[in-house]
Amino acid sequence: MRKVQGNDAFQRINFLYQISKEVVIKNPVLAAYYGNLAISVAKKNVLKIHPDIKRQLCKKCRCVLLDDKTAKVRIKNKNKCKRIQFTCNTCRMKKEYPADKGKDHRIWLEKPEAVDQVIS
């Protein structure tokens, strides 16, 4: 059985992300600190953060983006393409993601051809 390199770091990143998600409503500054800590742990161990976690963190202040609590969510139409726009309430940073119905807007890691080997 192969061991996954950086397993402790992944667990720590997951724990920090969960804590920041719980604390964000009461204290957004503390949640931003935990988000920043999670990203710095990933950088120090040269690990990639899962895209779902990455999408929920603000790029500027590292606060968790929750619908109608810490971020405004809007659907915009640009050049016949629908896009979801998140605006952070703390720092006003905007993030956009494609959201068309007919097109496959998954990232590479979510597609089936990206899986090379499953480690159990």
PDB file of N, CA and C in Angstrom:
ATOM      1  N   MET A   1       0.839  -1.178   0.000  1.00  0.00           N
ATOM      2  CA  MET A   1       0.000   0.000   0.000  1.00  0.00           C
ATOM      3  C   MET A   1       0.890   1.250   0.000  1.00  0.00           C
ATOM      4  N   ARG A   2       0.579   2.197  -0.909  1.00  0.00           N
ATOM      5  CA  ARG A   2       1.353   3.429  -0.993  1.00  0.00           C
ATOM      6  C   ARG A   2       0.797   4.480  -0.047  1.00  0.00           C
ATOM      7  N   LYS A   3       1.689   5.222   0.556  1.00  0.00           N
ATOM      8  CA  LYS A   3       1.266   6.324   1.418  1.00  0.00           C
ATOM      9  C   LYS A   3       1.168   7.593   0.585  1.00  0.00           C
ATOM     10  N   VAL A   4       0.198   8.431   0.902  1.00  0.00           N
ATOM     11  CA  VAL A   4       0.034   9.700   0.219  1.00  0.00           C
ATOM     12  C   VAL A   4       0.970  10.713   0.867  1.00  0.00           C
ATOM     13  N   GLN A   5       1.789  11.347   0.055  1.00  0.00           N
ATOM     14  CA  GLN A   5       2.724  12.325   0.584  1.00  0.00           C
ATOM     15  C   GLN A   5       1.959  13.572   1.037  1.00  0.00           C
ATOM     16  N   GLY A   6       2.279  14.056   2.236  1.00  0.00           N
ATOM     17  CA  GLY A   6       1.645  15.261   2.757  1.00  0.00           C
ATOM     18  C   GLY A   6       0.285  15.026   3.351  1.00  0.00           C
ATOM     19  N   ASN A   7      -0.011  13.816   3.806  1.00  0.00           N
ATOM     20  CA  ASN A   7      -1.317  13.493   4.354  1.00  0.00           C
ATOM     21  C   ASN A   7      -1.629  14.346   5.581  1.00  0.00           C
ATOM     22  N   ASP A   8      -0.644  14.563   6.451  1.00  0.00           N
ATOM     23  CA  ASP A   8      -0.854  15.394   7.636  1.00  0.00           C
ATOM     24  C   ASP A   8      -1.192  16.834   7.236  1.00  0.00           C
ATOM     25  N   ALA A   9      -0.519  17.329   6.222  1.00  0.00           N
ATOM     26  CA  ALA A   9      -0.773  18.690   5.762  1.00  0.00           C
ATOM     27  C   ALA A   9      -2.179  18.808   5.169  1.00  0.00           C
ATOM     28  N   PHE A  10      -2.611  17.792   4.413  1.00  0.00           N
ATOM     29  CA  PHE A  10      -3.966  17.808   3.855  1.00  0.00           C
ATOM     30  C   PHE A  10      -5.007  17.819   4.969  1.00  0.00           C
ATOM     31  N   GLN A  11      -4.766  17.032   6.013  1.00  0.00           N
ATOM     32  CA  GLN A  11      -5.700  17.004   7.141  1.00  0.00           C
ATOM     33  C   GLN A  11      -5.734  18.354   7.849  1.00  0.00           C
ATOM     34  N   ARG A  12      -4.585  18.984   7.982  1.00  0.00           N
ATOM     35  CA  ARG A  12      -4.530  20.294   8.630  1.00  0.00           C
ATOM     36  C   ARG A  12      -5.237  21.355   7.789  1.00  0.00           C
ATOM     37  N   ILE A  13      -5.052  21.314   6.477  1.00  0.00           N
ATOM     38  CA  ILE A  13      -5.733  22.250   5.580  1.00  0.00           C
ATOM     39  C   ILE A  13      -7.245  22.073   5.683  1.00  0.00           C
ATOM     40  N   ASN A  14      -7.691  20.820   5.686  1.00  0.00           N
ATOM     41  CA  ASN A  14      -9.117  20.518   5.801  1.00  0.00           C
ATOM     42  C   ASN A  14      -9.679  21.036   7.125  1.00  0.00           C
ATOM     43  N   PHE A  15      -8.955  20.820   8.207  1.00  0.00           N
ATOM     44  CA  PHE A  15      -9.386  21.269   9.529  1.00  0.00           C
ATOM     45  C   PHE A  15      -9.482  22.795   9.583  1.00  0.00           C
ATOM     46  N   LEU A  16      -8.472  23.483   9.058  1.00  0.00           N
ATOM     47  CA  LEU A  16      -8.478  24.949   9.059  1.00  0.00           C
ATOM     48  C   LEU A  16      -9.619  25.496   8.207  1.00  0.00           C
ATOM     49  N   TYR A  17      -9.887  24.844   7.089  1.00  0.00           N
ATOM     50  CA  TYR A  17     -10.989  25.266   6.228  1.00  0.00           C
ATOM     51  C   TYR A  17     -12.329  25.102   6.948  1.00  0.00           C
ATOM     52  N   GLN A  18     -12.527  23.968   7.620  1.00  0.00           N
ATOM     53  CA  GLN A  18     -13.781  23.734   8.344  1.00  0.00           C
ATOM     54  C   GLN A  18     -13.970  24.732   9.480  1.00  0.00           C
ATOM     55  N   ILE A  19     -12.881  25.039  10.196  1.00  0.00           N
ATOM     56  CA  ILE A  19     -12.970  26.019  11.281  1.00  0.00           C
ATOM     57  C   ILE A  19     -13.322  27.398  10.724  1.00  0.00           C
ATOM     58  N   SER A  20     -12.688  27.783   9.630  1.00  0.00           N
ATOM     59  CA  SER A  20     -12.960  29.105   9.068  1.00  0.00           C
ATOM     60  C   SER A  20     -14.400  29.211   8.582  1.00  0.00           C
ATOM     61  N   LYS A  21     -14.957  28.100   8.099  1.00  0.00           N
ATOM     62  CA  LYS A  21     -16.345  28.092   7.642  1.00  0.00           C
ATOM     63  C   LYS A  21     -17.319  28.245   8.818  1.00  0.00           C
ATOM     64  N   GLU A  22     -16.961  27.682   9.962  1.00  0.00           N
ATOM     65  CA  GLU A  22     -17.815  27.779  11.149  1.00  0.00           C
ATOM     66  C   GLU A  22     -17.741  29.162  11.799  1.00  0.00           C
ATOM     67  N   VAL A  23     -16.571  29.775  11.773  1.00  0.00           N
ATOM     68  CA  VAL A  23     -16.323  31.016  12.511  1.00  0.00           C
ATOM     69  C   VAL A  23     -16.682  32.258  11.701  1.00  0.00           C
ATOM     70  N   VAL A  24     -16.858  32.119  10.396  1.00  0.00           N
ATOM     71  CA  VAL A  24     -16.952  33.269   9.497  1.00  0.00           C
ATOM     72  C   VAL A  24     -18.093  34.226   9.849  1.00  0.00           C
ATOM     73  N   ILE A  25     -19.208  33.741  10.341  1.00  0.00           N
ATOM     74  CA  ILE A  25     -20.345  34.619  10.637  1.00  0.00           C
ATOM     75  C   ILE A  25     -20.078  35.432  11.899  1.00  0.00           C
ATOM     76  N   LYS A  26     -19.485  34.802  12.905  1.00  0.00           N
ATOM     77  CA  LYS A  26     -19.220  35.503  14.166  1.00  0.00           C
ATOM     78  C   LYS A  26     -18.016  36.434  14.063  1.00  0.00           C
ATOM     79  N   ASN A  27     -16.944  35.971  13.417  1.00  0.00           N
ATOM     80  CA  ASN A  27     -15.720  36.755  13.356  1.00  0.00           C
ATOM     81  C   ASN A  27     -15.043  36.551  11.995  1.00  0.00           C
ATOM     82  N   PRO A  28     -15.346  37.400  11.007  1.00  0.00           N
ATOM     83  CA  PRO A  28     -14.766  37.214   9.675  1.00  0.00           C
ATOM     84  C   PRO A  28     -13.243  37.406   9.628  1.00  0.00           C
ATOM     85  N   VAL A  29     -12.700  38.204  10.541  1.00  0.00           N
ATOM     86  CA  VAL A  29     -11.254  38.416  10.556  1.00  0.00           C
ATOM     87  C   VAL A  29     -10.529  37.134  10.961  1.00  0.00           C
ATOM     88  N   LEU A  30     -11.073  36.435  11.953  1.00  0.00           N
ATOM     89  CA  LEU A  30     -10.492  35.159  12.393  1.00  0.00           C
ATOM     90  C   LEU A  30     -10.622  34.107  11.295  1.00  0.00           C
ATOM     91  N   ALA A  31     -11.759  34.104  10.592  1.00  0.00           N
ATOM     92  CA  ALA A  31     -11.956  33.168   9.482  1.00  0.00           C
ATOM     93  C   ALA A  31     -10.958  33.442   8.363  1.00  0.00           C
ATOM     94  N   ALA A  32     -10.687  34.711   8.101  1.00  0.00           N
ATOM     95  CA  ALA A  32      -9.696  35.065   7.081  1.00  0.00           C
ATOM     96  C   ALA A  32      -8.302  34.618   7.507  1.00  0.00           C
ATOM     97  N   TYR A  33      -8.022  34.708   8.805  1.00  0.00           N
ATOM     98  CA  TYR A  33      -6.726  34.248   9.326  1.00  0.00           C
ATOM     99  C   TYR A  33      -6.572  32.743   9.114  1.00  0.00           C
ATOM    100  N   TYR A  34      -7.631  31.982   9.414  1.00  0.00           N
ATOM    101  CA  TYR A  34      -7.573  30.530   9.227  1.00  0.00           C
ATOM    102  C   TYR A  34      -7.436  30.173   7.747  1.00  0.00           C
ATOM    103  N   GLY A  35      -8.126  30.896   6.873  1.00  0.00           N
ATOM    104  CA  GLY A  35      -7.999  30.657   5.439  1.00  0.00           C
ATOM    105  C   GLY A  35      -6.593  30.949   4.946  1.00  0.00           C
ATOM    106  N   ASN A  36      -5.997  32.023   5.437  1.00  0.00           N
ATOM    107  CA  ASN A  36      -4.632  32.381   5.071  1.00  0.00           C
ATOM    108  C   ASN A  36      -3.650  31.332   5.582  1.00  0.00           C
ATOM    109  N   LEU A  37      -3.901  30.824   6.778  1.00  0.00           N
ATOM    110  CA  LEU A  37      -3.052  29.788   7.362  1.00  0.00           C
ATOM    111  C   LEU A  37      -3.128  28.498   6.539  1.00  0.00           C
ATOM    112  N   ALA A  38      -4.331  28.134   6.080  1.00  0.00           N
ATOM    113  CA  ALA A  38      -4.498  26.928   5.265  1.00  0.00           C
ATOM    114  C   ALA A  38      -3.723  27.041   3.954  1.00  0.00           C
ATOM    115  N   ILE A  39      -3.778  28.199   3.333  1.00  0.00           N
ATOM    116  CA  ILE A  39      -3.063  28.394   2.072  1.00  0.00           C
ATOM    117  C   ILE A  39      -1.558  28.402   2.291  1.00  0.00           C
ATOM    118  N   SER A  40      -1.107  28.984   3.397  1.00  0.00           N
ATOM    119  CA  SER A  40       0.338  28.987   3.660  1.00  0.00           C
ATOM    120  C   SER A  40       0.851  27.587   3.983  1.00  0.00           C
ATOM    121  N   VAL A  41       0.034  26.740   4.628  1.00  0.00           N
ATOM    122  CA  VAL A  41       0.417  25.342   4.882  1.00  0.00           C
ATOM    123  C   VAL A  41       0.582  24.606   3.548  1.00  0.00           C
ATOM    124  N   ALA A  42      -0.338  24.852   2.623  1.00  0.00           N
ATOM    125  CA  ALA A  42      -0.256  24.209   1.306  1.00  0.00           C
ATOM    126  C   ALA A  42       0.981  24.670   0.547  1.00  0.00           C
ATOM    127  N   LYS A  43       1.303  25.952   0.640  1.00  0.00           N
ATOM    128  CA  LYS A  43       2.478  26.466  -0.068  1.00  0.00           C
ATOM    129  C   LYS A  43       3.769  25.920   0.515  1.00  0.00           C
ATOM    130  N   LYS A  44       3.843  25.834   1.839  1.00  0.00           N
ATOM    131  CA  LYS A  44       5.076  25.350   2.464  1.00  0.00           C
ATOM    132  C   LYS A  44       5.336  23.885   2.154  1.00  0.00           C
ATOM    133  N   ASN A  45       4.264  23.102   2.034  1.00  0.00           N
ATOM    134  CA  ASN A  45       4.405  21.674   1.744  1.00  0.00           C
ATOM    135  C   ASN A  45       4.309  21.372   0.252  1.00  0.00           C
ATOM    136  N   VAL A  46       4.209  22.387  -0.576  1.00  0.00           N
ATOM    137  CA  VAL A  46       4.093  22.275  -2.033  1.00  0.00           C
ATOM    138  C   VAL A  46       2.968  21.308  -2.400  1.00  0.00           C
ATOM    139  N   LEU A  47       1.763  21.629  -1.920  1.00  0.00           N
ATOM    140  CA  LEU A  47       0.576  20.826  -2.181  1.00  0.00           C
ATOM    141  C   LEU A  47      -0.457  21.671  -2.901  1.00  0.00           C
ATOM    142  N   LYS A  48      -1.293  21.005  -3.675  1.00  0.00           N
ATOM    143  CA  LYS A  48      -2.376  21.705  -4.353  1.00  0.00           C
ATOM    144  C   LYS A  48      -3.642  21.592  -3.519  1.00  0.00           C
ATOM    145  N   ILE A  49      -4.294  22.723  -3.313  1.00  0.00           N
ATOM    146  CA  ILE A  49      -5.564  22.752  -2.588  1.00  0.00           C
ATOM    147  C   ILE A  49      -6.663  22.321  -3.556  1.00  0.00           C
ATOM    148  N   HIS A  50      -7.629  21.568  -3.057  1.00  0.00           N
ATOM    149  CA  HIS A  50      -8.736  21.110  -3.890  1.00  0.00           C
ATOM    150  C   HIS A  50      -9.477  22.315  -4.468  1.00  0.00           C
ATOM    151  N   PRO A  51      -9.860  22.267  -5.747  1.00  0.00           N
ATOM    152  CA  PRO A  51     -10.501  23.418  -6.390  1.00  0.00           C
ATOM    153  C   PRO A  51     -11.790  23.889  -5.715  1.00  0.00           C
ATOM    154  N   ASP A  52     -12.544  22.969  -5.117  1.00  0.00           N
ATOM    155  CA  ASP A  52     -13.771  23.388  -4.430  1.00  0.00           C
ATOM    156  C   ASP A  52     -13.450  24.278  -3.233  1.00  0.00           C
ATOM    157  N   ILE A  53     -12.397  23.963  -2.531  1.00  0.00           N
ATOM    158  CA  ILE A  53     -11.977  24.787  -1.397  1.00  0.00           C
ATOM    159  C   ILE A  53     -11.415  26.111  -1.906  1.00  0.00           C
ATOM    160  N   LYS A  54     -10.651  26.040  -2.971  1.00  0.00           N
ATOM    161  CA  LYS A  54     -10.042  27.242  -3.536  1.00  0.00           C
ATOM    162  C   LYS A  54     -11.095  28.227  -4.027  1.00  0.00           C
ATOM    163  N   ARG A  55     -12.161  27.715  -4.594  1.00  0.00           N
ATOM    164  CA  ARG A  55     -13.227  28.572  -5.110  1.00  0.00           C
ATOM    165  C   ARG A  55     -13.995  29.271  -4.003  1.00  0.00           C
ATOM    166  N   GLN A  56     -14.015  28.690  -2.821  1.00  0.00           N
ATOM    167  CA  GLN A  56     -14.783  29.278  -1.725  1.00  0.00           C
ATOM    168  C   GLN A  56     -13.979  30.240  -0.876  1.00  0.00           C
ATOM    169  N   LEU A  57     -12.696  30.438  -1.185  1.00  0.00           N
ATOM    170  CA  LEU A  57     -11.879  31.397  -0.458  1.00  0.00           C
ATOM    171  C   LEU A  57     -11.653  32.635  -1.328  1.00  0.00           C
ATOM    172  N   CYS A  58     -11.771  33.800  -0.712  1.00  0.00           N
ATOM    173  CA  CYS A  58     -11.501  35.054  -1.412  1.00  0.00           C
ATOM    174  C   CYS A  58     -10.004  35.126  -1.706  1.00  0.00           C
ATOM    175  N   LYS A  59      -9.651  35.574  -2.908  1.00  0.00           N
ATOM    176  CA  LYS A  59      -8.248  35.638  -3.297  1.00  0.00           C
ATOM    177  C   LYS A  59      -7.490  36.722  -2.555  1.00  0.00           C
ATOM    178  N   LYS A  60      -8.179  37.774  -2.165  1.00  0.00           N
ATOM    179  CA  LYS A  60      -7.514  38.914  -1.556  1.00  0.00           C
ATOM    180  C   LYS A  60      -7.425  38.790  -0.036  1.00  0.00           C
ATOM    181  N   CYS A  61      -8.565  38.594   0.640  1.00  0.00           N
ATOM    182  CA  CYS A  61      -8.555  38.590   2.110  1.00  0.00           C
ATOM    183  C   CYS A  61      -8.620  37.186   2.704  1.00  0.00           C
ATOM    184  N   ARG A  62      -8.775  36.147   1.885  1.00  0.00           N
ATOM    185  CA  ARG A  62      -8.804  34.732   2.288  1.00  0.00           C
ATOM    186  C   ARG A  62      -9.997  34.374   3.178  1.00  0.00           C
ATOM    187  N   CYS A  63     -11.029  35.179   3.156  1.00  0.00           N
ATOM    188  CA  CYS A  63     -12.244  34.889   3.929  1.00  0.00           C
ATOM    189  C   CYS A  63     -13.096  33.881   3.140  1.00  0.00           C
ATOM    190  N   VAL A  64     -13.875  33.074   3.834  1.00  0.00           N
ATOM    191  CA  VAL A  64     -14.734  32.090   3.180  1.00  0.00           C
ATOM    192  C   VAL A  64     -15.933  32.808   2.569  1.00  0.00           C
ATOM    193  N   LEU A  65     -16.240  32.515   1.324  1.00  0.00           N
ATOM    194  CA  LEU A  65     -17.356  33.146   0.625  1.00  0.00           C
ATOM    195  C   LEU A  65     -18.603  32.276   0.747  1.00  0.00           C
ATOM    196  N   LEU A  66     -19.555  32.712   1.567  1.00  0.00           N
ATOM    197  CA  LEU A  66     -20.827  32.022   1.739  1.00  0.00           C
ATOM    198  C   LEU A  66     -21.938  32.879   1.149  1.00  0.00           C
ATOM    199  N   ASP A  67     -22.915  32.231   0.511  1.00  0.00           N
ATOM    200  CA  ASP A  67     -24.006  32.959  -0.131  1.00  0.00           C
ATOM    201  C   ASP A  67     -24.772  33.812   0.874  1.00  0.00           C
ATOM    202  N   ASP A  68     -24.937  35.084   0.553  1.00  0.00           N
ATOM    203  CA  ASP A  68     -25.719  36.058   1.320  1.00  0.00           C
ATOM    204  C   ASP A  68     -25.251  36.284   2.754  1.00  0.00           C
ATOM    205  N   LYS A  69     -24.146  35.704   3.149  1.00  0.00           N
ATOM    206  CA  LYS A  69     -23.614  35.951   4.489  1.00  0.00           C
ATOM    207  C   LYS A  69     -22.310  36.725   4.413  1.00  0.00           C
ATOM    208  N   THR A  70     -21.378  36.260   3.609  1.00  0.00           N
ATOM    209  CA  THR A  70     -20.100  36.953   3.460  1.00  0.00           C
ATOM    210  C   THR A  70     -19.846  37.358   2.017  1.00  0.00           C
ATOM    211  N   ALA A  71     -20.771  37.033   1.111  1.00  0.00           N
ATOM    212  CA  ALA A  71     -20.576  37.385  -0.303  1.00  0.00           C
ATOM    213  C   ALA A  71     -21.919  37.589  -0.989  1.00  0.00           C
ATOM    214  N   LYS A  72     -21.902  38.453  -2.001  1.00  0.00           N
ATOM    215  CA  LYS A  72     -23.068  38.618  -2.869  1.00  0.00           C
ATOM    216  C   LYS A  72     -22.877  37.712  -4.072  1.00  0.00           C
ATOM    217  N   VAL A  73     -23.921  37.010  -4.452  1.00  0.00           N
ATOM    218  CA  VAL A  73     -23.849  36.113  -5.597  1.00  0.00           C
ATOM    219  C   VAL A  73     -24.803  36.629  -6.674  1.00  0.00           C
ATOM    220  N   ARG A  74     -24.258  36.832  -7.883  1.00  0.00           N
ATOM    221  CA  ARG A  74     -25.061  37.300  -9.000  1.00  0.00           C
ATOM    222  C   ARG A  74     -24.796  36.442 -10.219  1.00  0.00           C
ATOM    223  N   ILE A  75     -25.806  36.355 -11.061  1.00  0.00           N
ATOM    224  CA  ILE A  75     -25.646  35.663 -12.335  1.00  0.00           C
ATOM    225  C   ILE A  75     -25.625  36.730 -13.416  1.00  0.00           C
ATOM    226  N   LYS A  76     -24.561  36.753 -14.201  1.00  0.00           N
ATOM    227  CA  LYS A  76     -24.399  37.771 -15.242  1.00  0.00           C
ATOM    228  C   LYS A  76     -24.346  37.103 -16.606  1.00  0.00           C
ATOM    229  N   ASN A  77     -24.812  37.831 -17.596  1.00  0.00           N
ATOM    230  CA  ASN A  77     -24.729  37.378 -18.987  1.00  0.00           C
ATOM    231  C   ASN A  77     -23.671  38.206 -19.694  1.00  0.00           C
ATOM    232  N   LYS A  78     -22.621  37.554 -20.170  1.00  0.00           N
ATOM    233  CA  LYS A  78     -21.564  38.226 -20.922  1.00  0.00           C
ATOM    234  C   LYS A  78     -21.368  37.483 -22.232  1.00  0.00           C
ATOM    235  N   ASN A  79     -21.576  38.170 -23.341  1.00  0.00           N
ATOM    236  CA  ASN A  79     -21.370  37.590 -24.670  1.00  0.00           C
ATOM    237  C   ASN A  79     -22.083  36.246 -24.828  1.00  0.00           C
ATOM    238  N   LYS A  80     -23.325  36.193 -24.467  1.00  0.00           N
ATOM    239  CA  LYS A  80     -24.161  34.997 -24.551  1.00  0.00           C
ATOM    240  C   LYS A  80     -23.672  33.864 -23.655  1.00  0.00           C
ATOM    241  N   CYS A  81     -22.859  34.174 -22.663  1.00  0.00           N
ATOM    242  CA  CYS A  81     -22.373  33.176 -21.708  1.00  0.00           C
ATOM    243  C   CYS A  81     -22.808  33.588 -20.314  1.00  0.00           C
ATOM    244  N   LYS A  82     -23.380  32.655 -19.600  1.00  0.00           N
ATOM    245  CA  LYS A  82     -23.752  32.953 -18.218  1.00  0.00           C
ATOM    246  C   LYS A  82     -22.555  32.746 -17.316  1.00  0.00           C
ATOM    247  N   ARG A  83     -22.409  33.659 -16.346  1.00  0.00           N
ATOM    248  CA  ARG A  83     -21.306  33.581 -15.393  1.00  0.00           C
ATOM    249  C   ARG A  83     -21.846  33.872 -14.003  1.00  0.00           C
ATOM    250  N   ILE A  84     -21.311  33.145 -13.018  1.00  0.00           N
ATOM    251  CA  ILE A  84     -21.655  33.392 -11.625  1.00  0.00           C
ATOM    252  C   ILE A  84     -20.582  34.298 -11.049  1.00  0.00           C
ATOM    253  N   GLN A  85     -21.024  35.397 -10.418  1.00  0.00           N
ATOM    254  CA  GLN A  85     -20.072  36.350  -9.861  1.00  0.00           C
ATOM    255  C   GLN A  85     -20.236  36.411  -8.342  1.00  0.00           C
ATOM    256  N   PHE A  86     -19.139  36.164  -7.632  1.00  0.00           N
ATOM    257  CA  PHE A  86     -19.102  36.296  -6.184  1.00  0.00           C
ATOM    258  C   PHE A  86     -18.408  37.615  -5.849  1.00  0.00           C
ATOM    259  N   THR A  87     -18.997  38.415  -4.967  1.00  0.00           N
ATOM    260  CA  THR A  87     -18.372  39.647  -4.505  1.00  0.00           C
ATOM    261  C   THR A  87     -18.213  39.551  -2.996  1.00  0.00           C
ATOM    262  N   CYS A  88     -16.988  39.606  -2.525  1.00  0.00           N
ATOM    263  CA  CYS A  88     -16.691  39.505  -1.099  1.00  0.00           C
ATOM    264  C   CYS A  88     -17.194  40.758  -0.386  1.00  0.00           C
ATOM    265  N   ASN A  89     -17.904  40.576   0.738  1.00  0.00           N
ATOM    266  CA  ASN A  89     -18.411  41.717   1.496  1.00  0.00           C
ATOM    267  C   ASN A  89     -17.318  42.425   2.284  1.00  0.00           C
ATOM    268  N   THR A  90     -16.221  41.743   2.574  1.00  0.00           N
ATOM    269  CA  THR A  90     -15.162  42.341   3.379  1.00  0.00           C
ATOM    270  C   THR A  90     -14.263  43.237   2.544  1.00  0.00           C
ATOM    271  N   CYS A  91     -13.763  42.738   1.421  1.00  0.00           N
ATOM    272  CA  CYS A  91     -12.767  43.489   0.635  1.00  0.00           C
ATOM    273  C   CYS A  91     -13.269  43.906  -0.747  1.00  0.00           C
ATOM    274  N   ARG A  92     -14.499  43.524  -1.129  1.00  0.00           N
ATOM    275  CA  ARG A  92     -15.105  43.855  -2.419  1.00  0.00           C
ATOM    276  C   ARG A  92     -14.392  43.247  -3.625  1.00  0.00           C
ATOM    277  N   MET A  93     -13.659  42.165  -3.415  1.00  0.00           N
ATOM    278  CA  MET A  93     -13.005  41.452  -4.516  1.00  0.00           C
ATOM    279  C   MET A  93     -14.058  40.631  -5.267  1.00  0.00           C
ATOM    280  N   LYS A  94     -13.955  40.591  -6.593  1.00  0.00           N
ATOM    281  CA  LYS A  94     -14.935  39.859  -7.402  1.00  0.00           C
ATOM    282  C   LYS A  94     -14.286  38.637  -8.028  1.00  0.00           C
ATOM    283  N   LYS A  95     -15.040  37.524  -8.036  1.00  0.00           N
ATOM    284  CA  LYS A  95     -14.619  36.284  -8.683  1.00  0.00           C
ATOM    285  C   LYS A  95     -15.734  35.856  -9.618  1.00  0.00           C
ATOM    286  N   GLU A  96     -15.371  35.368 -10.797  1.00  0.00           N
ATOM    287  CA  GLU A  96     -16.366  34.914 -11.767  1.00  0.00           C
ATOM    288  C   GLU A  96     -16.059  33.500 -12.242  1.00  0.00           C
ATOM    289  N   TYR A  97     -17.137  32.733 -12.431  1.00  0.00           N
ATOM    290  CA  TYR A  97     -17.023  31.363 -12.931  1.00  0.00           C
ATOM    291  C   TYR A  97     -18.069  31.140 -14.014  1.00  0.00           C
ATOM    292  N   PRO A  98     -17.746  30.389 -15.060  1.00  0.00           N
ATOM    293  CA  PRO A  98     -18.729  30.098 -16.111  1.00  0.00           C
ATOM    294  C   PRO A  98     -19.838  29.188 -15.595  1.00  0.00           C
ATOM    295  N   ALA A  99     -21.053  29.396 -16.137  1.00  0.00           N
ATOM    296  CA  ALA A  99     -22.198  28.616 -15.659  1.00  0.00           C
ATOM    297  C   ALA A  99     -23.196  28.297 -16.762  1.00  0.00           C
ATOM    298  N   ASP A 100     -22.736  28.025 -17.975  1.00  0.00           N
ATOM    299  CA  ASP A 100     -23.644  27.685 -19.063  1.00  0.00           C
ATOM    300  C   ASP A 100     -24.192  26.278 -18.875  1.00  0.00           C
ATOM    301  N   LYS A 101     -25.442  26.088 -19.318  1.00  0.00           N
ATOM    302  CA  LYS A 101     -26.094  24.801 -19.132  1.00  0.00           C
ATOM    303  C   LYS A 101     -25.560  23.727 -20.071  1.00  0.00           C
ATOM    304  N   GLY A 102     -25.456  24.043 -21.337  1.00  0.00           N
ATOM    305  CA  GLY A 102     -25.092  23.045 -22.338  1.00  0.00           C
ATOM    306  C   GLY A 102     -23.611  22.693 -22.374  1.00  0.00           C
ATOM    307  N   LYS A 103     -22.776  23.544 -21.828  1.00  0.00           N
ATOM    308  CA  LYS A 103     -21.334  23.326 -21.921  1.00  0.00           C
ATOM    309  C   LYS A 103     -20.801  22.649 -20.660  1.00  0.00           C
ATOM    310  N   ASP A 104     -19.691  21.971 -20.831  1.00  0.00           N
ATOM    311  CA  ASP A 104     -19.043  21.289 -19.713  1.00  0.00           C
ATOM    312  C   ASP A 104     -17.948  22.197 -19.145  1.00  0.00           C
ATOM    313  N   HIS A 105     -18.254  22.865 -18.028  1.00  0.00           N
ATOM    314  CA  HIS A 105     -17.315  23.815 -17.440  1.00  0.00           C
ATOM    315  C   HIS A 105     -16.601  23.239 -16.220  1.00  0.00           C
ATOM    316  N   ARG A 106     -16.419  21.947 -16.227  1.00  0.00           N
ATOM    317  CA  ARG A 106     -15.694  21.359 -15.101  1.00  0.00           C
ATOM    318  C   ARG A 106     -14.204  21.584 -15.278  1.00  0.00           C
ATOM    319  N   ILE A 107     -13.514  21.649 -14.153  1.00  0.00           N
ATOM    320  CA  ILE A 107     -12.068  21.773 -14.225  1.00  0.00           C
ATOM    321  C   ILE A 107     -11.474  20.409 -14.552  1.00  0.00           C
ATOM    322  N   TRP A 108     -10.225  20.384 -14.923  1.00  0.00           N
ATOM    323  CA  TRP A 108      -9.572  19.160 -15.384  1.00  0.00           C
ATOM    324  C   TRP A 108      -9.632  18.061 -14.335  1.00  0.00           C
ATOM    325  N   LEU A 109      -9.452  18.381 -13.078  1.00  0.00           N
ATOM    326  CA  LEU A 109      -9.446  17.359 -12.026  1.00  0.00           C
ATOM    327  C   LEU A 109     -10.792  16.665 -11.865  1.00  0.00           C
ATOM    328  N   GLU A 110     -11.882  17.333 -12.244  1.00  0.00           N
ATOM    329  CA  GLU A 110     -13.211  16.747 -12.098  1.00  0.00           C
ATOM    330  C   GLU A 110     -13.612  15.873 -13.276  1.00  0.00           C
ATOM    331  N   LYS A 111     -12.871  15.937 -14.366  1.00  0.00           N
ATOM    332  CA  LYS A 111     -13.220  15.153 -15.550  1.00  0.00           C
ATOM    333  C   LYS A 111     -12.707  13.722 -15.410  1.00  0.00           C
ATOM    334  N   PRO A 112     -13.425  12.733 -15.977  1.00  0.00           N
ATOM    335  CA  PRO A 112     -13.020  11.330 -15.822  1.00  0.00           C
ATOM    336  C   PRO A 112     -11.687  10.990 -16.477  1.00  0.00           C
ATOM    337  N   GLU A 113     -11.309  11.676 -17.548  1.00  0.00           N
ATOM    338  CA  GLU A 113     -10.039  11.351 -18.200  1.00  0.00           C
ATOM    339  C   GLU A 113      -8.829  11.833 -17.399  1.00  0.00           C
ATOM    340  N   ALA A 114      -9.071  12.607 -16.345  1.00  0.00           N
ATOM    341  CA  ALA A 114      -7.965  13.103 -15.512  1.00  0.00           C
ATOM    342  C   ALA A 114      -7.491  12.053 -14.524  1.00  0.00           C
ATOM    343  N   VAL A 115      -8.339  11.058 -14.228  1.00  0.00           N
ATOM    344  CA  VAL A 115      -7.978  10.033 -13.252  1.00  0.00           C
ATOM    345  C   VAL A 115      -7.056   9.022 -13.911  1.00  0.00           C
ATOM    346  N   ASP A 116      -5.871   8.921 -13.385  1.00  0.00           N
ATOM    347  CA  ASP A 116      -4.879   7.993 -13.922  1.00  0.00           C
ATOM    348  C   ASP A 116      -4.839   6.723 -13.101  1.00  0.00           C
ATOM    349  N   GLN A 117      -4.815   6.890 -11.772  1.00  0.00           N
ATOM    350  CA  GLN A 117      -4.696   5.730 -10.889  1.00  0.00           C
ATOM    351  C   GLN A 117      -5.411   6.058  -9.588  1.00  0.00           C
ATOM    352  N   VAL A 118      -6.147   5.095  -9.046  1.00  0.00           N
ATOM    353  CA  VAL A 118      -6.862   5.270  -7.793  1.00  0.00           C
ATOM    354  C   VAL A 118      -6.075   4.576  -6.704  1.00  0.00           C
ATOM    355  N   ILE A 119      -5.714   5.321  -5.650  1.00  0.00           N
ATOM    356  CA  ILE A 119      -4.955   4.771  -4.523  1.00  0.00           C
ATOM    357  C   ILE A 119      -5.927   4.481  -3.404  1.00  0.00           C
ATOM    358  N   SER A 120      -5.927   3.263  -2.917  1.00  0.00           N
ATOM    359  CA  SER A 120      -6.834   2.914  -1.814  1.00  0.00           C
ATOM    360  C   SER A 120      -6.068   2.516  -0.576  1.00  0.00           C
TER     361      SER A 120
END
